[in-house]
Amino acid sequence: MQSENPLFADLAKLLGSAAGTVAGMSREARESARERFREAMGGLDFVSREEFDAVKDMAAKAREENEKLAERLAALEAALAAKAKK
């Protein structure tokens, strides 16, 4: 029969509780960091992907319309200049 050494039993209990404490501290630190990150990001004003895509499409259409209007203005100015020369 093997006898138990109280020193080893106490050391095993101490190491077991220390491991549990370290794991608990790790979980608590991780949750605290996540909460701080959420608070920091909550103050920023982000847009959704759908909103971004909608504004991007609107900008592209506005750019195309601007190019068409620039061409039309150039044609009108050329016609006005030709009329002024006559």
Protein backbone atom coordinates (compact mmCIF):
# COMPACT_ATOMS: atom_id res chain seq x y z
CA MET A 1 0.00 0.00 0.00
CA GLN A 2 1.27 3.40 -0.92
CA SER A 3 1.25 6.13 1.68
CA GLU A 4 0.25 9.67 0.79
CA ASN A 5 2.66 12.43 1.56
CA PRO A 6 0.75 15.45 2.92
CA LEU A 7 3.31 17.82 1.39
CA PHE A 8 2.63 16.51 -2.12
CA ALA A 9 -1.13 16.54 -1.55
CA ASP A 10 -1.01 20.16 -0.39
CA LEU A 11 1.25 21.11 -3.31
CA ALA A 12 -1.16 19.47 -5.78
CA LYS A 13 -4.11 21.35 -4.24
CA LEU A 14 -2.15 24.61 -4.40
CA LEU A 15 -1.20 24.09 -8.05
CA GLY A 16 -4.78 23.13 -8.94
CA SER A 17 -6.24 26.24 -7.36
CA ALA A 18 -3.52 28.43 -8.88
CA ALA A 19 -4.33 27.08 -12.34
CA GLY A 20 -8.02 27.80 -11.75
CA THR A 21 -7.21 31.32 -10.58
CA VAL A 22 -5.03 32.01 -13.62
CA ALA A 23 -7.74 30.71 -15.97
CA GLY A 24 -10.34 32.91 -14.25
CA MET A 25 -8.10 35.95 -14.46
CA SER A 26 -7.50 35.26 -18.15
CA ARG A 27 -11.25 35.06 -18.85
CA GLU A 28 -11.88 38.22 -16.86
CA ALA A 29 -9.11 40.13 -18.66
CA ARG A 30 -10.40 38.98 -22.06
CA GLU A 31 -13.97 40.05 -21.26
CA SER A 32 -12.75 43.38 -19.91
CA ALA A 33 -10.74 44.04 -23.08
CA ARG A 34 -13.74 43.14 -25.26
CA GLU A 35 -15.98 45.48 -23.27
CA ARG A 36 -13.49 48.34 -23.55
CA PHE A 37 -13.19 47.74 -27.30
CA ARG A 38 -16.98 47.80 -27.68
CA GLU A 39 -17.18 51.06 -25.72
CA ALA A 40 -14.42 52.64 -27.82
CA MET A 41 -16.01 51.53 -31.10
CA GLY A 42 -19.49 52.53 -29.95
CA GLY A 43 -18.51 56.19 -30.06
CA LEU A 44 -17.44 55.99 -33.70
CA ASP A 45 -19.97 56.45 -36.46
CA PHE A 46 -19.64 53.57 -38.92
CA VAL A 47 -21.86 52.95 -41.94
CA SER A 48 -23.13 49.59 -43.07
CA ARG A 49 -21.89 47.95 -46.25
CA GLU A 50 -25.28 48.50 -47.89
CA GLU A 51 -25.18 52.24 -47.15
CA PHE A 52 -21.63 52.48 -48.48
CA ASP A 53 -22.55 50.68 -51.71
CA ALA A 54 -25.62 52.88 -52.19
CA VAL A 55 -23.59 56.09 -51.83
CA LYS A 56 -20.89 54.69 -54.10
CA ASP A 57 -23.48 54.01 -56.81
CA MET A 58 -24.95 57.49 -56.40
CA ALA A 59 -21.48 59.04 -56.77
CA ALA A 60 -20.81 57.03 -59.94
CA LYS A 61 -24.13 58.16 -61.46
CA ALA A 62 -23.44 61.77 -60.50
CA ARG A 63 -19.98 61.55 -62.11
CA GLU A 64 -21.48 60.21 -65.37
CA GLU A 65 -24.11 62.94 -65.38
CA ASN A 66 -21.43 65.57 -64.74
CA GLU A 67 -19.42 64.31 -67.74
CA LYS A 68 -22.51 64.46 -69.98
CA LEU A 69 -23.30 67.98 -68.81
CA ALA A 70 -19.69 69.06 -69.42
CA GLU A 71 -19.90 67.72 -73.00
CA ARG A 72 -23.23 69.48 -73.52
CA LEU A 73 -21.82 72.75 -72.16
CA ALA A 74 -18.79 72.50 -74.44
CA ALA A 75 -21.09 71.94 -77.45
CA LEU A 76 -23.28 74.91 -76.49
CA GLU A 77 -20.23 77.15 -75.99
CA ALA A 78 -18.85 76.07 -79.39
CA ALA A 79 -22.20 76.82 -81.02
CA LEU A 80 -22.35 80.22 -79.30
CA ALA A 81 -18.80 81.02 -80.39
CA ALA A 82 -19.60 80.01 -83.97
CA LYS A 83 -22.72 82.18 -83.93
CA ALA A 84 -20.74 85.14 -82.54
CA LYS A 85 -18.20 84.90 -85.41
CA LYS A 86 -20.91 85.29 -88.06
